[in-house]
Amino acid sequence: MKDDPFFRNTPRKPLTRQGTAIEFPILYYDLRQVTAIFSAKTAALKTLLPHPNYKPIELYPGTSMLAITCFEYHDTSIGPYNEIAITVPVKFPPAMTIPGLSALGMVMKNSFSVYIRHLPVTTELAYKGGVYFWNYPKFIAEIIFSDQGEKLEVTLKEKGEMILKLKSRKLPLTTSGKLDFHTYSIKDSTVMHGLVEGVAPKIGRKILGNDATLELGSHRISKELAGLNLSKTAATGIYAEGMMTKLYDPDVCWNADTLQIVASGQ
């Protein structure tokens, strides 16, 4: 899919950090994605956030979301790899949100604003790129996608120890559309905005369903997730095949305390 119009005329620039050179945006020519959104108490999810100015987006008063998104990158400009994003949908800079309506709008518009709590990947370059350029909480792990007919099972392990196993139904690929992800990572009290633009020629989505379940191990991350008392099944699910995305280098940065913009247009 490298010749798809989505990538045509995309200006790119080489950047180097800590001896690692990457051309931005990173191009993802062909990927599969499955997302499961679980509910948890807002107070519990706030303990995962690095600063009080990250505002969880609530399903209803007192209850917010934790999303687990598994990516199978078949072909990218930095090589194939797998990744799992464990995220909390947030509003940053903080602003008024309406419980339920803001969450629904995020899903319906396919525009997700998140704080990434954990971001395991399967290759060294993907690890270095995420840590050096965005300070993403990445680590090297084993991520195994297993197709089981109409279901998909994704297992995450670190050094052989199971962290989680996500079991999801492959939702019918009944539509297509654009998607974007906005990430807000933090380093030394500076919040960095990262943008992922995407198009999905084949996507399925279900709201208020029960098509995904989560099994946890005894790893430290497993215990952290177990302590959130997540809903037994996912409240919302997304499944996409043949998706294409562009991951840009951080553009806008804020002082986490004052919310003043300290850098723009990097």
Foldseek 3Di string as FASTA:
>chain_A
DCPDPVNPPDDWDWDDFPRFIDIFFKKQQWKKKKKFKWKFFQVLVVVLDPAPQWAAAAQAPRMGIWMWMKMFRCDIPVHTKIKIFTWTFTDPNDDDDHHNVNVVVCVVVQETETETREMEMADPSVQCVCCRQAVHRYDHWDWDWDDDDQKIWIWIGHPPFTFKIKIFGQAFFDAWFKHKYWYWGDDPQKTFIKIKIKIFRTKGKDAQDFGMAMDGTDDPNSVSVVVRVIDGGGRMMMITTSMIMTIGGTAWMARNPPRHTPGGGD
